[in-house]
């Protein structure tokens, strides 16, 4: 996945003592994506805006807030999270890489 004509923000977004790290990419139309890495562990994220998380490398398990089952996602798959919601993501081994798109 490549992006052209964007502004990359050099300062990283660092969560959970560096176990989840992302960088923001800003587009000319005002939209934003984050490109990130998730190291092994389990993490919960809240959302303000709706998001699509596209997995670009590795594997993770995800449980959306309000659900009681997990789904597995690997490279080439994606999941959506509603606005004002959240999800728990677990990486068992290796590094999971993602592109997060903020939906309107």
N, C-alpha and C. Protein backbone atom coordinates (compact mmCIF):
# COMPACT_ATOMS: atom_id res chain seq x y z
N UNK A 1 0.86 -1.17 0.00
CA UNK A 1 0.00 0.00 0.00
C UNK A 1 0.91 1.23 0.00
N UNK A 2 0.76 2.09 -0.97
CA UNK A 2 1.55 3.32 -1.07
C UNK A 2 0.62 4.52 -1.10
N UNK A 3 1.10 5.63 -0.55
CA UNK A 3 0.34 6.88 -0.55
C UNK A 3 1.21 7.95 -1.17
N UNK A 4 0.62 8.75 -2.06
CA UNK A 4 1.36 9.83 -2.72
C UNK A 4 0.81 11.18 -2.32
N UNK A 5 1.66 12.19 -2.43
CA UNK A 5 1.28 13.58 -2.15
C UNK A 5 0.67 13.73 -0.76
N UNK A 6 1.40 13.27 0.24
CA UNK A 6 0.94 13.34 1.62
C UNK A 6 1.99 14.03 2.49
N UNK A 7 1.58 14.39 3.68
CA UNK A 7 2.49 14.90 4.69
C UNK A 7 2.58 13.85 5.78
N UNK A 8 3.78 13.40 6.08
CA UNK A 8 4.00 12.43 7.16
C UNK A 8 4.43 13.19 8.40
N UNK A 9 3.81 12.88 9.53
CA UNK A 9 4.15 13.52 10.80
C UNK A 9 5.26 12.69 11.44
N UNK A 10 6.41 13.31 11.66
CA UNK A 10 7.58 12.58 12.16
C UNK A 10 7.40 12.11 13.61
N UNK A 11 6.74 12.90 14.42
CA UNK A 11 6.56 12.51 15.83
C UNK A 11 5.59 11.34 15.91
N UNK A 12 6.03 10.27 16.54
CA UNK A 12 5.23 9.06 16.66
C UNK A 12 4.15 9.19 17.73
N UNK A 13 3.07 8.46 17.52
CA UNK A 13 2.04 8.26 18.54
C UNK A 13 2.46 6.97 19.27
N UNK A 14 2.78 7.06 20.54
CA UNK A 14 3.30 5.92 21.29
C UNK A 14 2.32 5.55 22.40
N UNK A 15 1.91 4.28 22.42
CA UNK A 15 0.94 3.79 23.40
C UNK A 15 1.51 2.57 24.11
N UNK A 16 1.00 2.32 25.30
CA UNK A 16 1.33 1.10 26.05
C UNK A 16 2.84 0.87 26.14
N UNK A 17 3.53 1.89 26.64
CA UNK A 17 4.99 1.81 26.85
C UNK A 17 5.75 1.40 25.60
N UNK A 18 5.29 1.88 24.45
CA UNK A 18 6.00 1.62 23.19
C UNK A 18 5.62 0.32 22.51
N UNK A 19 4.62 -0.38 23.03
CA UNK A 19 4.23 -1.65 22.41
C UNK A 19 3.28 -1.46 21.24
N UNK A 20 2.73 -0.25 21.10
CA UNK A 20 1.94 0.13 19.94
C UNK A 20 2.44 1.51 19.52
N UNK A 21 2.89 1.62 18.26
CA UNK A 21 3.47 2.87 17.77
C UNK A 21 2.90 3.14 16.38
N UNK A 22 2.49 4.39 16.15
CA UNK A 22 2.00 4.75 14.82
C UNK A 22 2.49 6.13 14.43
N UNK A 23 2.41 6.40 13.13
CA UNK A 23 2.71 7.72 12.57
C UNK A 23 1.51 8.17 11.77
N UNK A 24 1.20 9.45 11.85
CA UNK A 24 0.08 10.02 11.11
C UNK A 24 0.51 10.44 9.71
N UNK A 25 -0.39 10.22 8.76
CA UNK A 25 -0.20 10.64 7.37
C UNK A 25 -1.38 11.53 7.03
N UNK A 26 -1.10 12.76 6.59
CA UNK A 26 -2.14 13.74 6.29
C UNK A 26 -2.26 13.91 4.79
N UNK A 27 -3.51 13.91 4.31
CA UNK A 27 -3.80 14.02 2.88
C UNK A 27 -4.29 15.42 2.56
N UNK A 28 -4.13 15.82 1.31
CA UNK A 28 -4.53 17.15 0.85
C UNK A 28 -6.00 17.45 1.04
N UNK A 29 -6.85 16.42 1.06
CA UNK A 29 -8.29 16.65 1.23
C UNK A 29 -8.68 16.78 2.70
N UNK A 30 -7.69 16.77 3.60
CA UNK A 30 -7.97 16.91 5.03
C UNK A 30 -8.11 15.59 5.76
N UNK A 31 -8.13 14.49 5.06
CA UNK A 31 -8.26 13.20 5.72
C UNK A 31 -6.93 12.77 6.33
N UNK A 32 -7.00 11.79 7.22
CA UNK A 32 -5.81 11.34 7.95
C UNK A 32 -5.85 9.83 8.10
N UNK A 33 -4.69 9.23 8.04
CA UNK A 33 -4.52 7.80 8.33
C UNK A 33 -3.37 7.68 9.30
N UNK A 34 -3.34 6.57 10.01
CA UNK A 34 -2.15 6.27 10.80
C UNK A 34 -1.61 4.92 10.34
N UNK A 35 -0.28 4.83 10.32
CA UNK A 35 0.42 3.60 9.96
C UNK A 35 1.12 3.13 11.21
N UNK A 36 0.86 1.87 11.62
CA UNK A 36 1.41 1.47 12.90
C UNK A 36 1.86 0.04 13.03
N UNK A 37 2.50 -0.20 14.17
CA UNK A 37 3.01 -1.51 14.57
C UNK A 37 2.42 -1.85 15.93
N UNK A 38 2.05 -3.13 16.10
CA UNK A 38 1.57 -3.61 17.39
C UNK A 38 2.42 -4.82 17.77
N UNK A 39 3.11 -4.71 18.89
CA UNK A 39 3.93 -5.80 19.40
C UNK A 39 3.06 -6.76 20.22
N UNK A 40 3.54 -7.97 20.48
CA UNK A 40 2.73 -8.95 21.21
C UNK A 40 2.16 -8.39 22.52
N UNK A 41 0.90 -8.70 22.77
CA UNK A 41 0.20 -8.26 23.96
C UNK A 41 -1.27 -8.03 23.64
N UNK A 42 -2.00 -7.55 24.64
CA UNK A 42 -3.42 -7.24 24.46
C UNK A 42 -3.65 -5.79 24.88
N UNK A 43 -4.36 -5.05 24.03
CA UNK A 43 -4.52 -3.61 24.22
C UNK A 43 -5.96 -3.21 23.90
N UNK A 44 -6.48 -2.24 24.66
CA UNK A 44 -7.82 -1.71 24.37
C UNK A 44 -7.70 -0.27 23.90
N UNK A 45 -8.42 0.05 22.81
CA UNK A 45 -8.46 1.39 22.27
C UNK A 45 -9.89 1.88 22.21
N UNK A 46 -10.11 3.14 22.56
CA UNK A 46 -11.39 3.79 22.36
C UNK A 46 -11.35 4.58 21.06
N UNK A 47 -12.51 4.83 20.47
CA UNK A 47 -12.57 5.58 19.22
C UNK A 47 -13.46 6.81 19.39
N UNK A 48 -13.04 7.92 18.83
CA UNK A 48 -13.91 9.09 18.72
C UNK A 48 -14.64 9.00 17.38
N UNK A 49 -13.87 8.89 16.31
CA UNK A 49 -14.43 8.74 14.96
C UNK A 49 -14.48 7.26 14.60
N UNK A 50 -15.32 6.92 13.64
CA UNK A 50 -15.34 5.55 13.11
C UNK A 50 -14.02 5.29 12.41
N UNK A 51 -13.55 4.05 12.48
CA UNK A 51 -12.25 3.70 11.91
C UNK A 51 -12.34 2.41 11.11
N UNK A 52 -11.45 2.31 10.13
CA UNK A 52 -11.22 1.03 9.46
C UNK A 52 -9.76 0.68 9.71
N UNK A 53 -9.54 -0.51 10.24
CA UNK A 53 -8.19 -0.99 10.50
C UNK A 53 -7.86 -2.06 9.47
N UNK A 54 -6.94 -1.74 8.56
CA UNK A 54 -6.50 -2.69 7.54
C UNK A 54 -5.19 -3.31 8.01
N UNK A 55 -5.15 -4.61 8.12
CA UNK A 55 -3.96 -5.31 8.57
C UNK A 55 -3.06 -5.53 7.35
N UNK A 56 -1.82 -5.05 7.43
CA UNK A 56 -0.91 -5.14 6.29
C UNK A 56 0.17 -6.20 6.48
N UNK A 57 0.37 -6.65 7.73
CA UNK A 57 1.34 -7.71 7.99
C UNK A 57 1.06 -8.29 9.36
N UNK A 58 1.21 -9.59 9.50
CA UNK A 58 1.00 -10.25 10.78
C UNK A 58 -0.45 -10.64 10.99
N UNK A 59 -0.76 -11.02 12.22
CA UNK A 59 -2.10 -11.51 12.58
C UNK A 59 -2.48 -10.95 13.94
N UNK A 60 -3.77 -10.68 14.11
CA UNK A 60 -4.28 -10.21 15.40
C UNK A 60 -5.67 -10.77 15.64
N UNK A 61 -6.07 -10.74 16.89
CA UNK A 61 -7.44 -11.09 17.28
C UNK A 61 -8.09 -9.82 17.80
N UNK A 62 -9.35 -9.62 17.44
CA UNK A 62 -10.04 -8.38 17.80
C UNK A 62 -11.40 -8.70 18.40
N UNK A 63 -11.73 -8.01 19.50
CA UNK A 63 -13.07 -8.05 20.05
C UNK A 63 -13.59 -6.62 20.11
N UNK A 64 -14.64 -6.35 19.36
CA UNK A 64 -15.26 -5.03 19.36
C UNK A 64 -16.02 -4.84 20.67
N UNK A 65 -16.04 -3.62 21.18
CA UNK A 65 -16.82 -3.34 22.39
C UNK A 65 -18.26 -3.77 22.19
N UNK A 66 -18.83 -4.38 23.22
CA UNK A 66 -20.23 -4.81 23.16
C UNK A 66 -20.41 -6.20 22.59
N UNK A 67 -19.34 -6.81 22.11
CA UNK A 67 -19.43 -8.17 21.59
C UNK A 67 -18.72 -9.12 22.54
N UNK A 68 -19.03 -10.40 22.43
CA UNK A 68 -18.39 -11.36 23.32
C UNK A 68 -17.58 -12.42 22.58
N UNK A 69 -17.36 -12.20 21.29
CA UNK A 69 -16.53 -13.13 20.52
C UNK A 69 -15.42 -12.34 19.82
N UNK A 70 -14.33 -13.04 19.57
CA UNK A 70 -13.22 -12.42 18.85
C UNK A 70 -13.21 -12.89 17.41
N UNK A 71 -12.58 -12.10 16.57
CA UNK A 71 -12.36 -12.47 15.17
C UNK A 71 -10.87 -12.32 14.90
N UNK A 72 -10.36 -13.16 14.03
CA UNK A 72 -8.95 -13.12 13.67
C UNK A 72 -8.78 -12.41 12.33
N UNK A 73 -7.81 -11.52 12.27
CA UNK A 73 -7.51 -10.76 11.05
C UNK A 73 -6.04 -10.95 10.72
N UNK A 74 -5.76 -11.12 9.45
CA UNK A 74 -4.37 -11.25 9.00
C UNK A 74 -4.16 -10.31 7.82
N UNK A 75 -2.92 -10.26 7.34
CA UNK A 75 -2.58 -9.35 6.25
C UNK A 75 -3.58 -9.48 5.10
N UNK A 76 -4.05 -8.34 4.62
CA UNK A 76 -5.01 -8.31 3.52
C UNK A 76 -6.46 -8.25 3.98
N UNK A 77 -6.71 -8.25 5.29
CA UNK A 77 -8.08 -8.15 5.81
C UNK A 77 -8.22 -6.86 6.60
N UNK A 78 -9.46 -6.50 6.93
CA UNK A 78 -9.72 -5.26 7.67
C UNK A 78 -10.97 -5.42 8.51
N UNK A 79 -11.09 -4.55 9.50
CA UNK A 79 -12.31 -4.50 10.31
C UNK A 79 -12.65 -3.04 10.58
N UNK A 80 -13.92 -2.79 10.86
CA UNK A 80 -14.38 -1.43 11.15
C UNK A 80 -14.83 -1.33 12.60
N UNK A 81 -14.62 -0.15 13.16
CA UNK A 81 -15.00 0.14 14.54
C UNK A 81 -15.89 1.38 14.51
N UNK A 82 -17.02 1.31 15.18
CA UNK A 82 -17.96 2.44 15.20
C UNK A 82 -17.38 3.61 15.99
N UNK A 83 -17.87 4.81 15.67
CA UNK A 83 -17.50 6.00 16.42
C UNK A 83 -17.97 5.87 17.87
N UNK A 84 -17.26 6.51 18.77
CA UNK A 84 -17.59 6.51 20.20
C UNK A 84 -17.72 5.09 20.73
N UNK A 85 -16.81 4.24 20.31
CA UNK A 85 -16.82 2.83 20.69
C UNK A 85 -15.40 2.43 21.04
N UNK A 86 -15.04 1.19 20.74
CA UNK A 86 -13.68 0.75 21.00
C UNK A 86 -13.50 -0.70 20.65
N UNK A 87 -12.29 -1.18 20.88
CA UNK A 87 -11.97 -2.56 20.59
C UNK A 87 -10.75 -3.00 21.39
N UNK A 88 -10.68 -4.30 21.61
CA UNK A 88 -9.50 -4.90 22.22
C UNK A 88 -8.80 -5.69 21.14
N UNK A 89 -7.50 -5.48 21.01
CA UNK A 89 -6.72 -6.17 19.99
C UNK A 89 -5.60 -6.95 20.67
N UNK A 90 -5.42 -8.20 20.22
CA UNK A 90 -4.39 -9.05 20.79
C UNK A 90 -3.49 -9.59 19.68
N UNK A 91 -2.19 -9.44 19.91
CA UNK A 91 -1.19 -10.01 19.01
C UNK A 91 -0.46 -11.08 19.82
N UNK A 92 -0.52 -12.30 19.34
CA UNK A 92 0.09 -13.41 20.08
C UNK A 92 1.59 -13.51 19.84
N UNK A 93 2.03 -13.26 18.60
CA UNK A 93 3.46 -13.37 18.30
C UNK A 93 3.80 -12.50 17.10
N UNK A 94 5.07 -12.16 17.01
CA UNK A 94 5.51 -11.32 15.90
C UNK A 94 5.00 -9.90 16.06
N UNK A 95 4.98 -9.20 14.95
CA UNK A 95 4.50 -7.81 14.93
C UNK A 95 3.35 -7.73 13.94
N UNK A 96 2.28 -7.07 14.35
CA UNK A 96 1.14 -6.82 13.47
C UNK A 96 1.26 -5.38 12.98
N UNK A 97 1.19 -5.18 11.65
CA UNK A 97 1.26 -3.84 11.10
C UNK A 97 -0.12 -3.49 10.53
N UNK A 98 -0.46 -2.21 10.58
CA UNK A 98 -1.79 -1.79 10.16
C UNK A 98 -1.78 -0.40 9.54
N UNK A 99 -2.86 -0.12 8.81
CA UNK A 99 -3.19 1.22 8.35
C UNK A 99 -4.59 1.52 8.89
N UNK A 100 -4.70 2.56 9.68
CA UNK A 100 -5.98 2.96 10.24
C UNK A 100 -6.50 4.16 9.46
N UNK A 101 -7.69 4.01 8.88
CA UNK A 101 -8.36 5.09 8.15
C UNK A 101 -9.49 5.61 9.03
N UNK A 102 -9.58 6.92 9.16
CA UNK A 102 -10.64 7.51 9.94
C UNK A 102 -11.80 7.83 9.02
N UNK A 103 -12.96 7.23 9.30
CA UNK A 103 -14.13 7.33 8.42
C UNK A 103 -15.02 8.48 8.86
N UNK A 104 -15.78 9.04 7.93
CA UNK A 104 -16.68 10.15 8.25
C UNK A 104 -18.06 9.63 8.55
